[in-house]
Full PDB file with SEQRES, HELIX, SHEET, SSBOND, CRYST1, ORIGX, SCALE, CONECT and MASTER records, all heavy atoms in Angstrom:
SEQRES   1 A   37  PRO ASP ALA LEU TYR PRO LEU GLY GLY TYR PRO GLY ASP          
SEQRES   2 A   37  GLU ASP LYS ALA ARG GLN LEU PHE GLY THR LEU ASP GLN          
SEQRES   3 A   37  ASP LYS THR ARG GLN ASP PHE ILE GLU SER VAL                  
HELIX    1 AA1 TYR A    5  LEU A    7  5                                   3    
HELIX    2 AA2 GLU A   14  PHE A   21  1                                   8    
HELIX    3 AA3 GLN A   26  SER A   36  1                                  11    
CRYST1    1.000    1.000    1.000  90.00  90.00  90.00 P 1           1          
ORIGX1      1.000000  0.000000  0.000000        0.00000                         
ORIGX2      0.000000  1.000000  0.000000        0.00000                         
ORIGX3      0.000000  0.000000  1.000000        0.00000                         
SCALE1      1.000000  0.000000  0.000000        0.00000                         
SCALE2      0.000000  1.000000  0.000000        0.00000                         
SCALE3      0.000000  0.000000  1.000000        0.00000                         
ATOM      1  N   PRO A   1     -44.368  45.428 -11.184  1.00  0.00           N  
ATOM      2  CA  PRO A   1     -44.704  44.077 -11.678  1.00  0.00           C  
ATOM      3  C   PRO A   1     -43.849  43.669 -12.868  1.00  0.00           C  
ATOM      4  O   PRO A   1     -43.296  44.550 -13.591  1.00  0.00           O  
ATOM      5  CB  PRO A   1     -46.168  44.140 -12.098  1.00  0.00           C  
ATOM      6  CG  PRO A   1     -46.656  45.465 -11.501  1.00  0.00           C  
ATOM      7  CD  PRO A   1     -45.434  46.362 -11.449  1.00  0.00           C  
ATOM      8  N   ASP A   2     -43.707  42.377 -13.070  1.00  0.00           N  
ATOM      9  CA  ASP A   2     -42.974  41.849 -14.222  1.00  0.00           C  
ATOM     10  C   ASP A   2     -43.977  41.253 -15.148  1.00  0.00           C  
ATOM     11  O   ASP A   2     -44.528  40.130 -14.904  1.00  0.00           O  
ATOM     12  CB  ASP A   2     -41.953  40.817 -13.783  1.00  0.00           C  
ATOM     13  CG  ASP A   2     -41.071  40.359 -14.926  1.00  0.00           C  
ATOM     14  OD1 ASP A   2     -41.321  40.786 -16.067  1.00  0.00           O  
ATOM     15  OD2 ASP A   2     -40.181  39.497 -14.686  1.00  0.00           O  
ATOM     16  N   ALA A   3     -44.268  41.887 -16.281  1.00  0.00           N  
ATOM     17  CA  ALA A   3     -45.213  41.360 -17.248  1.00  0.00           C  
ATOM     18  C   ALA A   3     -44.792  40.023 -17.814  1.00  0.00           C  
ATOM     19  O   ALA A   3     -45.615  39.201 -18.246  1.00  0.00           O  
ATOM     20  CB  ALA A   3     -45.403  42.336 -18.408  1.00  0.00           C  
ATOM     21  N   LEU A   4     -43.486  39.766 -17.693  1.00  0.00           N  
ATOM     22  CA  LEU A   4     -42.991  38.463 -18.258  1.00  0.00           C  
ATOM     23  C   LEU A   4     -43.043  37.329 -17.292  1.00  0.00           C  
ATOM     24  O   LEU A   4     -42.704  36.172 -17.582  1.00  0.00           O  
ATOM     25  CB  LEU A   4     -41.505  38.651 -18.733  1.00  0.00           C  
ATOM     26  CG  LEU A   4     -41.276  39.491 -19.989  1.00  0.00           C  
ATOM     27  CD1 LEU A   4     -39.776  39.594 -20.291  1.00  0.00           C  
ATOM     28  CD2 LEU A   4     -42.042  38.936 -21.178  1.00  0.00           C  
ATOM     29  N   TYR A   5     -43.522  37.588 -16.063  1.00  0.00           N  
ATOM     30  CA  TYR A   5     -43.588  36.532 -15.051  1.00  0.00           C  
ATOM     31  C   TYR A   5     -44.318  35.274 -15.519  1.00  0.00           C  
ATOM     32  O   TYR A   5     -43.822  34.174 -15.298  1.00  0.00           O  
ATOM     33  CB  TYR A   5     -44.200  37.072 -13.775  1.00  0.00           C  
ATOM     34  CG  TYR A   5     -44.448  35.997 -12.696  1.00  0.00           C  
ATOM     35  CD1 TYR A   5     -43.393  35.347 -12.101  1.00  0.00           C  
ATOM     36  CD2 TYR A   5     -45.790  35.684 -12.334  1.00  0.00           C  
ATOM     37  CE1 TYR A   5     -43.645  34.421 -11.133  1.00  0.00           C  
ATOM     38  CE2 TYR A   5     -46.000  34.714 -11.385  1.00  0.00           C  
ATOM     39  CZ  TYR A   5     -44.914  34.071 -10.744  1.00  0.00           C  
ATOM     40  OH  TYR A   5     -45.133  33.161  -9.820  1.00  0.00           O  
ATOM     41  N   PRO A   6     -45.491  35.406 -16.266  1.00  0.00           N  
ATOM     42  CA  PRO A   6     -46.124  34.213 -16.704  1.00  0.00           C  
ATOM     43  C   PRO A   6     -45.310  33.385 -17.676  1.00  0.00           C  
ATOM     44  O   PRO A   6     -45.601  32.215 -17.918  1.00  0.00           O  
ATOM     45  CB  PRO A   6     -47.418  34.741 -17.361  1.00  0.00           C  
ATOM     46  CG  PRO A   6     -47.606  36.140 -16.847  1.00  0.00           C  
ATOM     47  CD  PRO A   6     -46.211  36.636 -16.581  1.00  0.00           C  
ATOM     48  N   LEU A   7     -44.291  34.033 -18.306  1.00  0.00           N  
ATOM     49  CA  LEU A   7     -43.459  33.328 -19.313  1.00  0.00           C  
ATOM     50  C   LEU A   7     -42.071  32.968 -18.712  1.00  0.00           C  
ATOM     51  O   LEU A   7     -41.158  32.722 -19.432  1.00  0.00           O  
ATOM     52  CB  LEU A   7     -43.320  34.174 -20.550  1.00  0.00           C  
ATOM     53  CG  LEU A   7     -44.607  34.654 -21.206  1.00  0.00           C  
ATOM     54  CD1 LEU A   7     -44.333  35.506 -22.430  1.00  0.00           C  
ATOM     55  CD2 LEU A   7     -45.497  33.479 -21.591  1.00  0.00           C  
ATOM     56  N   GLY A   8     -41.993  33.025 -17.403  1.00  0.00           N  
ATOM     57  CA  GLY A   8     -40.708  32.691 -16.745  1.00  0.00           C  
ATOM     58  C   GLY A   8     -39.956  33.846 -16.197  1.00  0.00           C  
ATOM     59  O   GLY A   8     -38.933  33.643 -15.562  1.00  0.00           O  
ATOM     60  N   GLY A   9     -40.453  35.048 -16.405  1.00  0.00           N  
ATOM     61  CA  GLY A   9     -39.817  36.284 -15.853  1.00  0.00           C  
ATOM     62  C   GLY A   9     -38.730  36.854 -16.803  1.00  0.00           C  
ATOM     63  O   GLY A   9     -38.384  36.230 -17.833  1.00  0.00           O  
ATOM     64  N   TYR A  10     -38.236  38.021 -16.439  1.00  0.00           N  
ATOM     65  CA  TYR A  10     -37.157  38.628 -17.183  1.00  0.00           C  
ATOM     66  C   TYR A  10     -36.019  37.669 -17.337  1.00  0.00           C  
ATOM     67  O   TYR A  10     -35.482  37.184 -16.317  1.00  0.00           O  
ATOM     68  CB  TYR A  10     -36.709  39.924 -16.523  1.00  0.00           C  
ATOM     69  CG  TYR A  10     -35.515  40.563 -17.178  1.00  0.00           C  
ATOM     70  CD1 TYR A  10     -35.633  41.145 -18.397  1.00  0.00           C  
ATOM     71  CD2 TYR A  10     -34.289  40.556 -16.509  1.00  0.00           C  
ATOM     72  CE1 TYR A  10     -34.486  41.721 -19.027  1.00  0.00           C  
ATOM     73  CE2 TYR A  10     -33.160  41.101 -17.072  1.00  0.00           C  
ATOM     74  CZ  TYR A  10     -33.259  41.687 -18.333  1.00  0.00           C  
ATOM     75  OH  TYR A  10     -32.163  42.241 -18.985  1.00  0.00           O  
ATOM     76  N   PRO A  11     -35.578  37.362 -18.585  1.00  0.00           N  
ATOM     77  CA  PRO A  11     -34.578  36.303 -18.806  1.00  0.00           C  
ATOM     78  C   PRO A  11     -33.169  36.702 -18.631  1.00  0.00           C  
ATOM     79  O   PRO A  11     -32.254  35.880 -18.754  1.00  0.00           O  
ATOM     80  CB  PRO A  11     -34.874  35.861 -20.219  1.00  0.00           C  
ATOM     81  CG  PRO A  11     -35.368  37.099 -20.910  1.00  0.00           C  
ATOM     82  CD  PRO A  11     -36.105  37.849 -19.865  1.00  0.00           C  
ATOM     83  N   GLY A  12     -32.888  37.961 -18.384  1.00  0.00           N  
ATOM     84  CA  GLY A  12     -31.493  38.443 -18.199  1.00  0.00           C  
ATOM     85  C   GLY A  12     -30.808  38.752 -19.533  1.00  0.00           C  
ATOM     86  O   GLY A  12     -29.632  39.065 -19.507  1.00  0.00           O  
ATOM     87  N   ASP A  13     -31.509  38.644 -20.602  1.00  0.00           N  
ATOM     88  CA  ASP A  13     -30.978  38.920 -21.943  1.00  0.00           C  
ATOM     89  C   ASP A  13     -31.993  39.813 -22.720  1.00  0.00           C  
ATOM     90  O   ASP A  13     -33.110  39.453 -22.769  1.00  0.00           O  
ATOM     91  CB  ASP A  13     -30.737  37.619 -22.707  1.00  0.00           C  
ATOM     92  CG  ASP A  13     -30.242  37.843 -24.109  1.00  0.00           C  
ATOM     93  OD1 ASP A  13     -31.093  38.042 -24.988  1.00  0.00           O  
ATOM     94  OD2 ASP A  13     -29.018  37.773 -24.343  1.00  0.00           O  
ATOM     95  N   GLU A  14     -31.478  40.943 -23.205  1.00  0.00           N  
ATOM     96  CA  GLU A  14     -32.374  41.903 -23.819  1.00  0.00           C  
ATOM     97  C   GLU A  14     -33.112  41.398 -25.018  1.00  0.00           C  
ATOM     98  O   GLU A  14     -34.328  41.609 -25.164  1.00  0.00           O  
ATOM     99  CB  GLU A  14     -31.601  43.202 -24.174  1.00  0.00           C  
ATOM    100  CG  GLU A  14     -31.019  43.898 -23.005  1.00  0.00           C  
ATOM    101  CD  GLU A  14     -32.075  44.531 -22.105  1.00  0.00           C  
ATOM    102  OE1 GLU A  14     -32.764  45.478 -22.504  1.00  0.00           O  
ATOM    103  OE2 GLU A  14     -32.294  44.011 -20.940  1.00  0.00           O  
ATOM    104  N   ASP A  15     -32.416  40.707 -25.909  1.00  0.00           N  
ATOM    105  CA  ASP A  15     -33.041  40.183 -27.117  1.00  0.00           C  
ATOM    106  C   ASP A  15     -34.078  39.173 -26.718  1.00  0.00           C  
ATOM    107  O   ASP A  15     -35.204  39.108 -27.302  1.00  0.00           O  
ATOM    108  CB  ASP A  15     -31.992  39.583 -28.055  1.00  0.00           C  
ATOM    109  CG  ASP A  15     -31.199  40.663 -28.787  1.00  0.00           C  
ATOM    110  OD1 ASP A  15     -31.707  41.795 -28.830  1.00  0.00           O  
ATOM    111  OD2 ASP A  15     -30.142  40.310 -29.311  1.00  0.00           O  
ATOM    112  N   LYS A  16     -33.757  38.261 -25.832  1.00  0.00           N  
ATOM    113  CA  LYS A  16     -34.712  37.213 -25.430  1.00  0.00           C  
ATOM    114  C   LYS A  16     -35.944  37.832 -24.756  1.00  0.00           C  
ATOM    115  O   LYS A  16     -37.068  37.441 -24.947  1.00  0.00           O  
ATOM    116  CB  LYS A  16     -34.056  36.218 -24.491  1.00  0.00           C  
ATOM    117  CG  LYS A  16     -33.034  35.323 -25.141  1.00  0.00           C  
ATOM    118  CD  LYS A  16     -32.414  34.366 -24.163  1.00  0.00           C  
ATOM    119  CE  LYS A  16     -31.365  33.471 -24.773  1.00  0.00           C  
ATOM    120  NZ  LYS A  16     -30.734  32.582 -23.802  1.00  0.00           N  
ATOM    121  N   ALA A  17     -35.675  38.906 -23.964  1.00  0.00           N  
ATOM    122  CA  ALA A  17     -36.779  39.589 -23.262  1.00  0.00           C  
ATOM    123  C   ALA A  17     -37.747  40.192 -24.255  1.00  0.00           C  
ATOM    124  O   ALA A  17     -38.968  40.055 -24.113  1.00  0.00           O  
ATOM    125  CB  ALA A  17     -36.211  40.619 -22.355  1.00  0.00           C  
ATOM    126  N   ARG A  18     -37.232  40.836 -25.294  1.00  0.00           N  
ATOM    127  CA  ARG A  18     -38.073  41.470 -26.289  1.00  0.00           C  
ATOM    128  C   ARG A  18     -38.885  40.396 -27.034  1.00  0.00           C  
ATOM    129  O   ARG A  18     -40.057  40.555 -27.362  1.00  0.00           O  
ATOM    130  CB  ARG A  18     -37.290  42.329 -27.264  1.00  0.00           C  
ATOM    131  CG  ARG A  18     -36.897  43.700 -26.731  1.00  0.00           C  
ATOM    132  CD  ARG A  18     -36.331  44.567 -27.806  1.00  0.00           C  
ATOM    133  NE  ARG A  18     -35.026  44.102 -28.196  1.00  0.00           N  
ATOM    134  CZ  ARG A  18     -33.874  44.523 -27.666  1.00  0.00           C  
ATOM    135  NH1 ARG A  18     -33.921  45.417 -26.654  1.00  0.00           N  
ATOM    136  NH2 ARG A  18     -32.734  44.071 -28.060  1.00  0.00           N  
ATOM    137  N   GLN A  19     -38.228  39.262 -27.384  1.00  0.00           N  
ATOM    138  CA  GLN A  19     -38.940  38.231 -28.113  1.00  0.00           C  
ATOM    139  C   GLN A  19     -40.027  37.667 -27.265  1.00  0.00           C  
ATOM    140  O   GLN A  19     -41.132  37.445 -27.746  1.00  0.00           O  
ATOM    141  CB  GLN A  19     -37.910  37.147 -28.494  1.00  0.00           C  
ATOM    142  CG  GLN A  19     -36.889  37.549 -29.585  1.00  0.00           C  
ATOM    143  CD  GLN A  19     -35.714  36.610 -29.656  1.00  0.00           C  
ATOM    144  OE1 GLN A  19     -35.704  35.552 -29.051  1.00  0.00           O  
ATOM    145  NE2 GLN A  19     -34.731  37.015 -30.453  1.00  0.00           N  
ATOM    146  N   LEU A  20     -39.758  37.426 -25.967  1.00  0.00           N  
ATOM    147  CA  LEU A  20     -40.826  36.891 -25.079  1.00  0.00           C  
ATOM    148  C   LEU A  20     -41.962  37.914 -24.983  1.00  0.00           C  
ATOM    149  O   LEU A  20     -43.162  37.549 -24.998  1.00  0.00           O  
ATOM    150  CB  LEU A  20     -40.278  36.651 -23.685  1.00  0.00           C  
ATOM    151  CG  LEU A  20     -39.501  35.352 -23.447  1.00  0.00           C  
ATOM    152  CD1 LEU A  20     -38.907  35.347 -22.055  1.00  0.00           C  
ATOM    153  CD2 LEU A  20     -40.409  34.167 -23.612  1.00  0.00           C  
ATOM    154  N   PHE A  21     -41.604  39.170 -24.860  1.00  0.00           N  
ATOM    155  CA  PHE A  21     -42.586  40.238 -24.649  1.00  0.00           C  
ATOM    156  C   PHE A  21     -43.598  40.262 -25.802  1.00  0.00           C  
ATOM    157  O   PHE A  21     -44.814  40.459 -25.598  1.00  0.00           O  
ATOM    158  CB  PHE A  21     -41.930  41.565 -24.551  1.00  0.00           C  
ATOM    159  CG  PHE A  21     -42.707  42.549 -23.704  1.00  0.00           C  
ATOM    160  CD1 PHE A  21     -42.617  42.562 -22.337  1.00  0.00           C  
ATOM    161  CD2 PHE A  21     -43.566  43.460 -24.318  1.00  0.00           C  
ATOM    162  CE1 PHE A  21     -43.321  43.430 -21.545  1.00  0.00           C  
ATOM    163  CE2 PHE A  21     -44.309  44.333 -23.563  1.00  0.00           C  
ATOM    164  CZ  PHE A  21     -44.187  44.347 -22.155  1.00  0.00           C  
ATOM    165  N   GLY A  22     -43.115  39.983 -27.027  1.00  0.00           N  
ATOM    166  CA  GLY A  22     -44.014  39.982 -28.141  1.00  0.00           C  
ATOM    167  C   GLY A  22     -45.041  38.834 -28.182  1.00  0.00           C  
ATOM    168  O   GLY A  22     -45.945  38.884 -28.971  1.00  0.00           O  
ATOM    169  N   THR A  23     -44.830  37.839 -27.328  1.00  0.00           N  
ATOM    170  CA  THR A  23     -45.764  36.720 -27.317  1.00  0.00           C  
ATOM    171  C   THR A  23     -46.804  36.842 -26.208  1.00  0.00           C  
ATOM    172  O   THR A  23     -47.687  35.990 -26.090  1.00  0.00           O  
ATOM    173  CB  THR A  23     -44.968  35.372 -27.083  1.00  0.00           C  
ATOM    174  OG1 THR A  23     -44.435  35.349 -25.755  1.00  0.00           O  
ATOM    175  CG2 THR A  23     -43.879  35.255 -28.101  1.00  0.00           C  
ATOM    176  N   LEU A  24     -46.776  37.915 -25.409  1.00  0.00           N  
ATOM    177  CA  LEU A  24     -47.741  38.087 -24.310  1.00  0.00           C  
ATOM    178  C   LEU A  24     -49.117  38.347 -24.883  1.00  0.00           C  
ATOM    179  O   LEU A  24     -49.296  38.974 -25.912  1.00  0.00           O  
ATOM    180  CB  LEU A  24     -47.375  39.267 -23.454  1.00  0.00           C  
ATOM    181  CG  LEU A  24     -46.177  39.076 -22.464  1.00  0.00           C  
ATOM    182  CD1 LEU A  24     -45.797  40.420 -21.881  1.00  0.00           C  
ATOM    183  CD2 LEU A  24     -46.597  38.096 -21.344  1.00  0.00           C  
ATOM    184  N   ASP A  25     -50.129  37.830 -24.160  1.00  0.00           N  
ATOM    185  CA  ASP A  25     -51.508  38.213 -24.436  1.00  0.00           C  
ATOM    186  C   ASP A  25     -51.758  39.553 -23.730  1.00  0.00           C  
ATOM    187  O   ASP A  25     -51.863  39.625 -22.519  1.00  0.00           O  
ATOM    188  CB  ASP A  25     -52.420  37.134 -23.849  1.00  0.00           C  
ATOM    189  CG  ASP A  25     -53.883  37.419 -24.065  1.00  0.00           C  
ATOM    190  OD1 ASP A  25     -54.288  38.603 -24.177  1.00  0.00           O  
ATOM    191  OD2 ASP A  25     -54.686  36.441 -24.139  1.00  0.00           O  
ATOM    192  N   GLN A  26     -51.739  40.637 -24.543  1.00  0.00           N  
ATOM    193  CA  GLN A  26     -51.757  41.962 -23.930  1.00  0.00           C  
ATOM    194  C   GLN A  26     -53.112  42.254 -23.199  1.00  0.00           C  
ATOM    195  O   GLN A  26     -53.044  43.039 -22.238  1.00  0.00           O  
ATOM    196  CB  GLN A  26     -51.560  43.031 -25.027  1.00  0.00           C  
ATOM    197  CG  GLN A  26     -50.085  43.173 -25.447  1.00  0.00           C  
ATOM    198  CD  GLN A  26     -49.157  43.570 -24.299  1.00  0.00           C  
ATOM    199  OE1 GLN A  26     -49.560  44.324 -23.418  1.00  0.00           O  
ATOM    200  NE2 GLN A  26     -47.917  43.067 -24.287  1.00  0.00           N  
ATOM    201  N   ASP A  27     -54.161  41.611 -23.569  1.00  0.00           N  
ATOM    202  CA  ASP A  27     -55.412  41.767 -22.759  1.00  0.00           C  
ATOM    203  C   ASP A  27     -55.224  41.281 -21.369  1.00  0.00           C  
ATOM    204  O   ASP A  27     -55.598  41.948 -20.375  1.00  0.00           O  
ATOM    205  CB  ASP A  27     -56.531  41.023 -23.460  1.00  0.00           C  
ATOM    206  CG  ASP A  27     -57.023  41.678 -24.724  1.00  0.00           C  
ATOM    207  OD1 ASP A  27     -56.793  42.867 -24.858  1.00  0.00           O  
ATOM    208  OD2 ASP A  27     -57.604  40.959 -25.573  1.00  0.00           O  
ATOM    209  N   LYS A  28     -54.576  40.121 -21.192  1.00  0.00           N  
ATOM    210  CA  LYS A  28     -54.247  39.608 -19.860  1.00  0.00           C  
ATOM    211  C   LYS A  28     -53.255  40.446 -19.148  1.00  0.00           C  
ATOM    212  O   LYS A  28     -53.351  40.717 -17.894  1.00  0.00           O  
ATOM    213  CB  LYS A  28     -53.759  38.162 -19.977  1.00  0.00           C  
ATOM    214  CG  LYS A  28     -54.793  37.144 -20.401  1.00  0.00           C  
ATOM    215  CD  LYS A  28     -54.268  35.747 -20.431  1.00  0.00           C  
ATOM    216  CE  LYS A  28     -55.355  34.742 -20.822  1.00  0.00           C  
ATOM    217  NZ  LYS A  28     -54.772  33.337 -20.816  1.00  0.00           N  
ATOM    218  N   THR A  29     -52.232  40.937 -19.866  1.00  0.00           N  
ATOM    219  CA  THR A  29     -51.216  41.744 -19.248  1.00  0.00           C  
ATOM    220  C   THR A  29     -51.801  43.072 -18.745  1.00  0.00           C  
ATOM    221  O   THR A  29     -51.481  43.500 -17.627  1.00  0.00           O  
ATOM    222  CB  THR A  29     -50.077  42.051 -20.252  1.00  0.00           C  
ATOM    223  OG1 THR A  29     -49.482  40.777 -20.631  1.00  0.00           O  
ATOM    224  CG2 THR A  29     -48.986  42.947 -19.642  1.00  0.00           C  
ATOM    225  N   ARG A  30     -52.656  43.682 -19.495  1.00  0.00           N  
ATOM    226  CA  ARG A  30     -53.317  44.903 -19.038  1.00  0.00           C  
ATOM    227  C   ARG A  30     -54.124  44.649 -17.790  1.00  0.00           C  
ATOM    228  O   ARG A  30     -54.117  45.447 -16.857  1.00  0.00           O  
ATOM    229  CB  ARG A  30     -54.195  45.466 -20.139  1.00  0.00           C  
ATOM    230  CG  ARG A  30     -53.435  46.178 -21.272  1.00  0.00           C  
ATOM    231  CD  ARG A  30     -54.325  46.914 -22.179  1.00  0.00           C  
ATOM    232  NE  ARG A  30     -54.975  46.022 -23.172  1.00  0.00           N  
ATOM    233  CZ  ARG A  30     -54.519  45.729 -24.362  1.00  0.00           C  
ATOM    234  NH1 ARG A  30     -53.376  46.258 -24.763  1.00  0.00           N  
ATOM    235  NH2 ARG A  30     -55.187  44.910 -25.131  1.00  0.00           N  
ATOM    236  N   GLN A  31     -54.797  43.504 -17.692  1.00  0.00           N  
ATOM    237  CA  GLN A  31     -55.533  43.161 -16.501  1.00  0.00           C  
ATOM    238  C   GLN A  31     -54.584  42.969 -15.295  1.00  0.00           C  
ATOM    239  O   GLN A  31     -54.931  43.318 -14.150  1.00  0.00           O  
ATOM    240  CB  GLN A  31     -56.386  41.907 -16.728  1.00  0.00           C  
ATOM    241  CG  GLN A  31     -57.564  42.143 -17.643  1.00  0.00           C  
ATOM    242  CD  GLN A  31     -58.564  43.203 -17.127  1.00  0.00           C  
ATOM    243  OE1 GLN A  31     -58.807  43.279 -15.943  1.00  0.00           O  
ATOM    244  NE2 GLN A  31     -59.029  43.985 -18.055  1.00  0.00           N  
ATOM    245  N   ASP A  32     -53.380  42.444 -15.546  1.00  0.00           N  
ATOM    246  CA  ASP A  32     -52.421  42.321 -14.437  1.00  0.00           C  
ATOM    247  C   ASP A  32     -51.998  43.651 -13.897  1.00  0.00           C  
ATOM    248  O   ASP A  32     -51.862  43.802 -12.694  1.00  0.00           O  
ATOM    249  CB  ASP A  32     -51.190  41.498 -14.981  1.00  0.00           C  
ATOM    250  CG  ASP A  32     -51.376  39.997 -15.045  1.00  0.00           C  
ATOM    251  OD1 ASP A  32     -52.355  39.509 -14.452  1.00  0.00           O  
ATOM    252  OD2 ASP A  32     -50.601  39.337 -15.743  1.00  0.00           O  
ATOM    253  N   PHE A  33     -51.849  44.594 -14.783  1.00  0.00           N  
ATOM    254  CA  PHE A  33     -51.463  45.917 -14.294  1.00  0.00           C  
ATOM    255  C   PHE A  33     -52.624  46.652 -13.627  1.00  0.00           C  
ATOM    256  O   PHE A  33     -52.429  47.353 -12.610  1.00  0.00           O  
ATOM    257  CB  PHE A  33     -50.904  46.768 -15.454  1.00  0.00           C  
ATOM    258  CG  PHE A  33     -49.475  46.440 -15.792  1.00  0.00           C  
ATOM    259  CD1 PHE A  33     -49.159  45.751 -16.954  1.00  0.00           C  
ATOM    260  CD2 PHE A  33     -48.441  46.755 -14.926  1.00  0.00           C  
ATOM    261  CE1 PHE A  33     -47.870  45.451 -17.286  1.00  0.00           C  
ATOM    262  CE2 PHE A  33     -47.117  46.410 -15.232  1.00  0.00           C  
ATOM    263  CZ  PHE A  33     -46.837  45.746 -16.384  1.00  0.00           C  
ATOM    264  N   ILE A  34     -53.859  46.427 -14.078  1.00  0.00           N  
ATOM    265  CA  ILE A  34     -54.993  46.972 -13.349  1.00  0.00           C  
ATOM    266  C   ILE A  34     -55.042  46.391 -11.968  1.00  0.00           C  
ATOM    267  O   ILE A  34     -55.291  47.082 -10.958  1.00  0.00           O  
ATOM    268  CB  ILE A  34     -56.296  46.664 -14.157  1.00  0.00           C  
ATOM    269  CG1 ILE A  34     -56.366  47.587 -15.393  1.00  0.00           C  
ATOM    270  CG2 ILE A  34     -57.476  46.923 -13.255  1.00  0.00           C  
ATOM    271  CD1 ILE A  34     -57.530  47.287 -16.372  1.00  0.00           C  
ATOM    272  N   GLU A  35     -54.865  45.068 -11.873  1.00  0.00           N  
ATOM    273  CA  GLU A  35     -54.852  44.391 -10.572  1.00  0.00           C  
ATOM    274  C   GLU A  35     -53.761  44.878  -9.634  1.00  0.00           C  
ATOM    275  O   GLU A  35     -53.905  44.970  -8.451  1.00  0.00           O  
ATOM    276  CB  GLU A  35     -54.748  42.864 -10.771  1.00  0.00           C  
ATOM    277  CG  GLU A  35     -54.939  42.042  -9.476  1.00  0.00           C  
ATOM    278  CD  GLU A  35     -56.240  42.246  -8.813  1.00  0.00           C  
ATOM    279  OE1 GLU A  35     -57.266  42.512  -9.459  1.00  0.00           O  
ATOM    280  OE2 GLU A  35     -56.307  42.080  -7.546  1.00  0.00           O  
ATOM    281  N   SER A  36     -52.627  45.256 -10.282  1.00  0.00           N  
ATOM    282  CA  SER A  36     -51.482  45.748  -9.501  1.00  0.00           C  
ATOM    283  C   SER A  36     -51.872  47.107  -8.802  1.00  0.00           C  
ATOM    284  O   SER A  36     -51.504  47.337  -7.688  1.00  0.00           O  
ATOM    285  CB  SER A  36     -50.289  46.004 -10.354  1.00  0.00           C  
ATOM    286  OG  SER A  36     -49.826  44.777 -10.907  1.00  0.00           O  
ATOM    287  N   VAL A  37     -52.648  47.928  -9.457  1.00  0.00           N  
ATOM    288  CA  VAL A  37     -53.153  49.122  -8.884  1.00  0.00           C  
ATOM    289  C   VAL A  37     -54.054  48.788  -7.641  1.00  0.00           C  
ATOM    290  O   VAL A  37     -53.951  49.374  -6.546  1.00  0.00           O  
ATOM    291  CB  VAL A  37     -53.882  50.000  -9.866  1.00  0.00           C  
ATOM    292  CG1 VAL A  37     -54.534  51.222  -9.139  1.00  0.00           C  
ATOM    293  CG2 VAL A  37     -52.942  50.499 -10.934  1.00  0.00           C  
TER     294      VAL A  37                                                      
MASTER        0    0    0    3    0    0    0    6  293    1    0    3          
END                                                                             
């Protein structure tokens, strides 16, 4: 899964990806990975 999908997906740039990642709601992201299982 791509945790960044709700924010537009992996942007193709490492710095932008890390910046986006820091804005995720980790409670929701954890639920996305549970659902993936």
